[in-house]
Amino acid sequence: MQVLLHADPNTDGRHRMQEHLELVVKDALGRFGERITRVEAHLSDANSQAKAGPDDIHCTLEARVVAMDPIVVKDHAGSAHQAIDGAVRKLKRAVASELEKHDPRSHRTRSDASVAESGADRESGDV
């Protein structure tokens, strides 16, 4: 999985942010293996050179998943690390949800499950 960082010139500590981004992305999304080919992060400072305030740093993450449309999430926080962490948590949930939707094994409905259970009950003589 390739992890790319695009940061505007007003965000400091680019090298440390890249390392942090790679660590948290690979930790959160590593279980999806080769299904995710690339994650791109876009960091920007909403107030640029102005006085810092809460939720100034915006992080947009875009995950490229094989045979699917890109999955995009956004978060904002007071620091780049916090914005990255929040966006990665959102991305982890979004990727899991999208992959589950596309997994044929997860398409059993409740009625399918109850029919399967009642069939198992009949076979075991519990009905």
N, C-alpha and C. Protein backbone atom coordinates (compact mmCIF):
# COMPACT_ATOMS: atom_id res chain seq x y z
N MET A 1 0.86 -1.17 0.00
CA MET A 1 0.00 0.00 0.00
C MET A 1 0.90 1.23 0.00
N GLN A 2 0.63 2.10 -0.93
CA GLN A 2 1.38 3.35 -1.04
C GLN A 2 0.66 4.43 -0.21
N VAL A 3 1.41 5.19 0.57
CA VAL A 3 0.84 6.26 1.41
C VAL A 3 1.51 7.56 1.01
N LEU A 4 0.70 8.50 0.51
CA LEU A 4 1.23 9.78 0.02
C LEU A 4 0.67 10.93 0.84
N LEU A 5 1.51 11.93 1.07
CA LEU A 5 1.10 13.12 1.81
C LEU A 5 1.26 14.35 0.93
N HIS A 6 0.20 15.13 0.85
CA HIS A 6 0.23 16.43 0.17
C HIS A 6 -0.14 17.46 1.23
N ALA A 7 0.80 18.33 1.56
CA ALA A 7 0.55 19.33 2.61
C ALA A 7 0.80 20.72 2.04
N ASP A 8 -0.06 21.66 2.43
CA ASP A 8 0.16 23.03 1.96
C ASP A 8 1.40 23.61 2.66
N PRO A 9 1.97 24.65 2.09
CA PRO A 9 3.22 25.21 2.64
C PRO A 9 3.10 25.74 4.06
N ASN A 10 1.89 25.96 4.54
CA ASN A 10 1.71 26.54 5.88
C ASN A 10 1.69 25.49 6.99
N THR A 11 1.78 24.21 6.63
CA THR A 11 1.81 23.18 7.66
C THR A 11 3.27 22.82 7.94
N ASP A 12 3.62 22.76 9.20
CA ASP A 12 5.01 22.50 9.61
C ASP A 12 5.24 21.02 9.87
N GLY A 13 6.51 20.64 9.85
CA GLY A 13 6.89 19.28 10.23
C GLY A 13 6.49 18.22 9.24
N ARG A 14 6.64 18.50 7.97
CA ARG A 14 6.18 17.59 6.91
C ARG A 14 6.77 16.19 7.05
N HIS A 15 8.06 16.08 7.32
CA HIS A 15 8.70 14.77 7.42
C HIS A 15 8.10 13.95 8.57
N ARG A 16 7.92 14.57 9.72
CA ARG A 16 7.33 13.87 10.87
C ARG A 16 5.89 13.48 10.57
N MET A 17 5.16 14.35 9.87
CA MET A 17 3.77 14.02 9.53
C MET A 17 3.70 12.83 8.58
N GLN A 18 4.63 12.77 7.62
CA GLN A 18 4.66 11.65 6.68
C GLN A 18 4.88 10.33 7.42
N GLU A 19 5.83 10.34 8.36
CA GLU A 19 6.10 9.14 9.15
C GLU A 19 4.88 8.75 9.98
N HIS A 20 4.27 9.73 10.63
CA HIS A 20 3.08 9.47 11.45
C HIS A 20 1.95 8.93 10.58
N LEU A 21 1.73 9.56 9.44
CA LEU A 21 0.68 9.13 8.52
C LEU A 21 0.88 7.68 8.10
N GLU A 22 2.07 7.33 7.67
CA GLU A 22 2.34 5.95 7.24
C GLU A 22 2.10 4.96 8.37
N LEU A 23 2.55 5.30 9.56
CA LEU A 23 2.38 4.42 10.71
C LEU A 23 0.90 4.17 11.01
N VAL A 24 0.11 5.23 11.14
CA VAL A 24 -1.29 5.05 11.53
C VAL A 24 -2.12 4.45 10.40
N VAL A 25 -1.83 4.80 9.16
CA VAL A 25 -2.58 4.23 8.03
C VAL A 25 -2.31 2.73 7.92
N LYS A 26 -1.06 2.34 7.96
CA LYS A 26 -0.73 0.92 7.82
C LYS A 26 -1.24 0.12 9.02
N ASP A 27 -1.24 0.71 10.20
CA ASP A 27 -1.77 0.04 11.38
C ASP A 27 -3.28 -0.16 11.25
N ALA A 28 -3.98 0.88 10.80
CA ALA A 28 -5.44 0.82 10.72
C ALA A 28 -5.95 0.01 9.53
N LEU A 29 -5.25 0.09 8.40
CA LEU A 29 -5.76 -0.50 7.16
C LEU A 29 -4.99 -1.73 6.71
N GLY A 30 -3.96 -2.11 7.43
CA GLY A 30 -3.14 -3.25 7.03
C GLY A 30 -3.92 -4.53 6.87
N ARG A 31 -4.97 -4.71 7.65
CA ARG A 31 -5.76 -5.95 7.58
C ARG A 31 -6.48 -6.11 6.25
N PHE A 32 -6.62 -5.02 5.50
CA PHE A 32 -7.30 -5.11 4.21
C PHE A 32 -6.35 -5.55 3.10
N GLY A 33 -5.08 -5.70 3.45
CA GLY A 33 -4.09 -6.27 2.54
C GLY A 33 -3.96 -5.54 1.22
N GLU A 34 -3.90 -6.32 0.17
CA GLU A 34 -3.66 -5.79 -1.18
C GLU A 34 -4.90 -5.13 -1.78
N ARG A 35 -6.03 -5.16 -1.08
CA ARG A 35 -7.24 -4.54 -1.65
C ARG A 35 -7.12 -3.03 -1.70
N ILE A 36 -6.30 -2.44 -0.84
CA ILE A 36 -6.06 -1.00 -0.87
C ILE A 36 -4.70 -0.79 -1.52
N THR A 37 -4.70 -0.07 -2.65
CA THR A 37 -3.44 0.14 -3.36
C THR A 37 -2.75 1.42 -2.95
N ARG A 38 -3.54 2.43 -2.58
CA ARG A 38 -2.94 3.73 -2.26
C ARG A 38 -3.85 4.53 -1.34
N VAL A 39 -3.23 5.28 -0.44
CA VAL A 39 -3.95 6.24 0.40
C VAL A 39 -3.25 7.58 0.24
N GLU A 40 -4.03 8.60 -0.12
CA GLU A 40 -3.49 9.95 -0.26
C GLU A 40 -4.07 10.83 0.83
N ALA A 41 -3.21 11.61 1.45
CA ALA A 41 -3.63 12.56 2.49
C ALA A 41 -3.38 13.97 1.99
N HIS A 42 -4.35 14.83 2.22
CA HIS A 42 -4.22 16.25 1.87
C HIS A 42 -4.41 17.04 3.17
N LEU A 43 -3.35 17.72 3.59
CA LEU A 43 -3.39 18.52 4.82
C LEU A 43 -3.34 19.99 4.47
N SER A 44 -4.19 20.75 5.13
CA SER A 44 -4.17 22.20 4.91
C SER A 44 -4.46 22.91 6.22
N ASP A 45 -3.94 24.11 6.32
CA ASP A 45 -4.17 24.97 7.48
C ASP A 45 -5.23 25.98 7.08
N ALA A 46 -6.40 25.89 7.68
CA ALA A 46 -7.53 26.74 7.29
C ALA A 46 -7.24 28.22 7.46
N ASN A 47 -6.48 28.57 8.48
CA ASN A 47 -6.22 29.98 8.75
C ASN A 47 -4.85 30.44 8.27
N SER A 48 -4.11 29.56 7.65
CA SER A 48 -2.78 29.86 7.12
C SER A 48 -1.92 30.60 8.13
N GLN A 49 -1.53 31.80 7.80
CA GLN A 49 -0.62 32.57 8.65
C GLN A 49 -1.33 33.30 9.78
N ALA A 50 -2.64 33.28 9.79
CA ALA A 50 -3.40 33.97 10.83
C ALA A 50 -3.22 33.27 12.18
N LYS A 51 -3.74 33.86 13.20
CA LYS A 51 -3.64 33.31 14.54
C LYS A 51 -4.28 31.91 14.58
N ALA A 52 -3.59 31.00 15.22
CA ALA A 52 -4.08 29.62 15.32
C ALA A 52 -5.33 29.56 16.19
N GLY A 53 -6.20 28.66 15.83
CA GLY A 53 -7.43 28.46 16.58
C GLY A 53 -7.80 26.99 16.56
N PRO A 54 -8.89 26.65 17.23
CA PRO A 54 -9.31 25.25 17.26
C PRO A 54 -9.74 24.78 15.87
N ASP A 55 -9.44 23.54 15.58
CA ASP A 55 -9.86 22.89 14.33
C ASP A 55 -9.36 23.61 13.09
N ASP A 56 -8.14 24.11 13.14
CA ASP A 56 -7.55 24.81 11.99
C ASP A 56 -7.02 23.88 10.92
N ILE A 57 -6.57 22.70 11.30
CA ILE A 57 -5.93 21.79 10.36
C ILE A 57 -6.98 20.84 9.78
N HIS A 58 -7.05 20.81 8.46
CA HIS A 58 -8.00 19.95 7.77
C HIS A 58 -7.25 18.81 7.10
N CYS A 59 -7.75 17.59 7.25
CA CYS A 59 -7.14 16.42 6.64
C CYS A 59 -8.19 15.69 5.81
N THR A 60 -7.89 15.49 4.55
CA THR A 60 -8.74 14.71 3.66
C THR A 60 -7.95 13.47 3.27
N LEU A 61 -8.55 12.30 3.47
CA LEU A 61 -7.91 11.05 3.08
C LEU A 61 -8.71 10.41 1.96
N GLU A 62 -8.00 9.89 0.98
CA GLU A 62 -8.62 9.20 -0.15
C GLU A 62 -7.96 7.84 -0.29
N ALA A 63 -8.76 6.78 -0.16
CA ALA A 63 -8.24 5.42 -0.30
C ALA A 63 -8.64 4.88 -1.66
N ARG A 64 -7.67 4.32 -2.36
CA ARG A 64 -7.92 3.66 -3.64
C ARG A 64 -8.03 2.17 -3.37
N VAL A 65 -9.22 1.64 -3.61
CA VAL A 65 -9.50 0.23 -3.36
C VAL A 65 -9.69 -0.46 -4.70
N VAL A 66 -9.10 -1.63 -4.87
CA VAL A 66 -9.17 -2.37 -6.12
C VAL A 66 -10.63 -2.58 -6.53
N ALA A 67 -10.94 -2.25 -7.78
CA ALA A 67 -12.25 -2.47 -8.41
C ALA A 67 -13.39 -1.70 -7.73
N MET A 68 -13.07 -0.61 -7.05
CA MET A 68 -14.10 0.21 -6.40
C MET A 68 -13.78 1.68 -6.62
N ASP A 69 -14.78 2.52 -6.43
CA ASP A 69 -14.55 3.96 -6.46
C ASP A 69 -13.72 4.36 -5.25
N PRO A 70 -12.99 5.47 -5.35
CA PRO A 70 -12.21 5.94 -4.20
C PRO A 70 -13.11 6.22 -3.00
N ILE A 71 -12.59 6.01 -1.82
CA ILE A 71 -13.30 6.28 -0.57
C ILE A 71 -12.64 7.50 0.06
N VAL A 72 -13.44 8.55 0.31
CA VAL A 72 -12.90 9.82 0.79
C VAL A 72 -13.53 10.18 2.14
N VAL A 73 -12.68 10.58 3.09
CA VAL A 73 -13.16 11.06 4.39
C VAL A 73 -12.41 12.34 4.74
N LYS A 74 -13.00 13.12 5.65
CA LYS A 74 -12.39 14.38 6.08
C LYS A 74 -12.47 14.51 7.59
N ASP A 75 -11.48 15.19 8.15
CA ASP A 75 -11.51 15.51 9.57
C ASP A 75 -10.74 16.81 9.77
N HIS A 76 -11.01 17.48 10.84
CA HIS A 76 -10.27 18.69 11.17
C HIS A 76 -10.03 18.72 12.68
N ALA A 77 -8.90 19.30 13.05
CA ALA A 77 -8.51 19.33 14.46
C ALA A 77 -7.53 20.47 14.68
N GLY A 78 -7.08 20.60 15.90
CA GLY A 78 -6.15 21.66 16.26
C GLY A 78 -4.72 21.40 15.83
N SER A 79 -4.38 20.14 15.56
CA SER A 79 -3.02 19.82 15.10
C SER A 79 -3.10 18.84 13.94
N ALA A 80 -2.01 18.76 13.19
CA ALA A 80 -1.96 17.85 12.04
C ALA A 80 -2.08 16.40 12.50
N HIS A 81 -1.40 16.03 13.58
CA HIS A 81 -1.47 14.65 14.07
C HIS A 81 -2.89 14.28 14.46
N GLN A 82 -3.59 15.19 15.14
CA GLN A 82 -4.96 14.92 15.55
C GLN A 82 -5.88 14.80 14.34
N ALA A 83 -5.70 15.65 13.35
CA ALA A 83 -6.53 15.60 12.14
C ALA A 83 -6.28 14.31 11.38
N ILE A 84 -5.02 13.90 11.29
CA ILE A 84 -4.68 12.63 10.62
C ILE A 84 -5.31 11.46 11.37
N ASP A 85 -5.16 11.44 12.69
CA ASP A 85 -5.71 10.34 13.49
C ASP A 85 -7.23 10.24 13.34
N GLY A 86 -7.92 11.38 13.39
CA GLY A 86 -9.37 11.38 13.24
C GLY A 86 -9.79 10.90 11.86
N ALA A 87 -9.10 11.36 10.83
CA ALA A 87 -9.44 10.96 9.47
C ALA A 87 -9.15 9.47 9.25
N VAL A 88 -8.08 8.96 9.83
CA VAL A 88 -7.75 7.54 9.68
C VAL A 88 -8.82 6.68 10.35
N ARG A 89 -9.30 7.08 11.53
CA ARG A 89 -10.39 6.33 12.19
C ARG A 89 -11.62 6.29 11.29
N LYS A 90 -11.97 7.42 10.70
CA LYS A 90 -13.12 7.48 9.80
C LYS A 90 -12.89 6.61 8.56
N LEU A 91 -11.68 6.66 8.03
CA LEU A 91 -11.37 5.89 6.82
C LEU A 91 -11.44 4.39 7.09
N LYS A 92 -10.96 3.97 8.24
CA LYS A 92 -11.01 2.56 8.60
C LYS A 92 -12.45 2.05 8.60
N ARG A 93 -13.36 2.82 9.22
CA ARG A 93 -14.78 2.44 9.25
C ARG A 93 -15.39 2.46 7.86
N ALA A 94 -15.05 3.48 7.07
CA ALA A 94 -15.62 3.61 5.73
C ALA A 94 -15.16 2.48 4.81
N VAL A 95 -13.88 2.14 4.87
CA VAL A 95 -13.36 1.05 4.04
C VAL A 95 -14.00 -0.27 4.45
N ALA A 96 -14.07 -0.54 5.74
CA ALA A 96 -14.69 -1.79 6.21
C ALA A 96 -16.14 -1.88 5.74
N SER A 97 -16.86 -0.78 5.85
CA SER A 97 -18.26 -0.75 5.43
C SER A 97 -18.41 -1.00 3.93
N GLU A 98 -17.60 -0.33 3.13
CA GLU A 98 -17.69 -0.49 1.67
C GLU A 98 -17.29 -1.90 1.24
N LEU A 99 -16.25 -2.45 1.83
CA LEU A 99 -15.83 -3.80 1.47
C LEU A 99 -16.89 -4.81 1.87
N GLU A 100 -17.54 -4.59 3.01
CA GLU A 100 -18.61 -5.49 3.43
C GLU A 100 -19.78 -5.44 2.45
N LYS A 101 -20.11 -4.26 1.95
CA LYS A 101 -21.19 -4.12 0.97
C LYS A 101 -20.89 -4.90 -0.30
N HIS A 102 -19.62 -4.99 -0.67
CA HIS A 102 -19.23 -5.66 -1.91
C HIS A 102 -18.84 -7.12 -1.70
N ASP A 103 -18.93 -7.62 -0.48
CA ASP A 103 -18.58 -9.00 -0.18
C ASP A 103 -19.82 -9.87 -0.31
N PRO A 104 -19.84 -10.82 -1.26
CA PRO A 104 -21.03 -11.65 -1.45
C PRO A 104 -21.38 -12.48 -0.22
N ARG A 105 -20.41 -12.77 0.63
CA ARG A 105 -20.69 -13.55 1.84
C ARG A 105 -21.47 -12.75 2.87
N SER A 106 -21.46 -11.43 2.76
CA SER A 106 -22.15 -10.60 3.75
C SER A 106 -23.54 -10.17 3.29
N HIS A 107 -24.01 -10.74 2.20
CA HIS A 107 -25.31 -10.32 1.65
C HIS A 107 -26.48 -11.17 2.13
N ARG A 108 -26.29 -11.96 3.14
CA ARG A 108 -27.42 -12.71 3.71
C ARG A 108 -28.30 -11.75 4.48
N THR A 109 -29.57 -11.81 4.23
CA THR A 109 -30.50 -10.95 4.96
C THR A 109 -30.90 -11.65 6.25
N ARG A 110 -31.64 -10.96 7.09
CA ARG A 110 -32.11 -11.58 8.33
C ARG A 110 -33.01 -12.77 8.03
N SER A 111 -33.87 -12.63 7.02
CA SER A 111 -34.77 -13.74 6.70
C SER A 111 -33.97 -14.94 6.20
N ASP A 112 -32.89 -14.69 5.44
CA ASP A 112 -32.03 -15.79 5.01
C ASP A 112 -31.41 -16.48 6.22
N ALA A 113 -30.95 -15.70 7.18
CA ALA A 113 -30.31 -16.26 8.36
C ALA A 113 -31.31 -17.05 9.20
N SER A 114 -32.54 -16.55 9.35
CA SER A 114 -33.52 -17.26 10.16
C SER A 114 -33.97 -18.54 9.46
N VAL A 115 -34.05 -18.53 8.13
CA VAL A 115 -34.39 -19.75 7.38
C VAL A 115 -33.28 -20.77 7.58
N ALA A 116 -32.05 -20.33 7.50
CA ALA A 116 -30.92 -21.24 7.69
C ALA A 116 -30.92 -21.81 9.10
N GLU A 117 -31.22 -20.98 10.10
CA GLU A 117 -31.25 -21.45 11.48
C GLU A 117 -32.39 -22.44 11.69
N SER A 118 -33.58 -22.16 11.14
CA SER A 118 -34.71 -23.07 11.33
C SER A 118 -34.44 -24.40 10.63
N GLY A 119 -33.74 -24.35 9.50
CA GLY A 119 -33.37 -25.59 8.83
C GLY A 119 -32.41 -26.40 9.67
N ALA A 120 -31.49 -25.74 10.32
CA ALA A 120 -30.54 -26.43 11.20
C ALA A 120 -31.26 -27.01 12.40
N ASP A 121 -32.28 -26.28 12.92
CA ASP A 121 -33.04 -26.78 14.06
C ASP A 121 -33.80 -28.04 13.69
N ARG A 122 -34.39 -28.07 12.49
CA ARG A 122 -35.14 -29.25 12.05
C ARG A 122 -34.22 -30.46 11.92
N GLU A 123 -33.02 -30.21 11.40
CA GLU A 123 -32.08 -31.31 11.23
C GLU A 123 -31.65 -31.87 12.57
N SER A 124 -31.55 -31.03 13.57
CA SER A 124 -31.09 -31.50 14.88
C SER A 124 -32.24 -31.99 15.74
N GLY A 125 -33.48 -31.79 15.27
CA GLY A 125 -34.64 -32.25 16.00
C GLY A 125 -35.08 -31.32 17.10
N ASP A 126 -34.60 -30.07 17.10
CA ASP A 126 -34.94 -29.11 18.15
C ASP A 126 -36.27 -28.42 17.92
N VAL A 127 -36.90 -28.59 16.76
CA VAL A 127 -38.12 -27.84 16.46
C VAL A 127 -39.32 -28.55 17.00
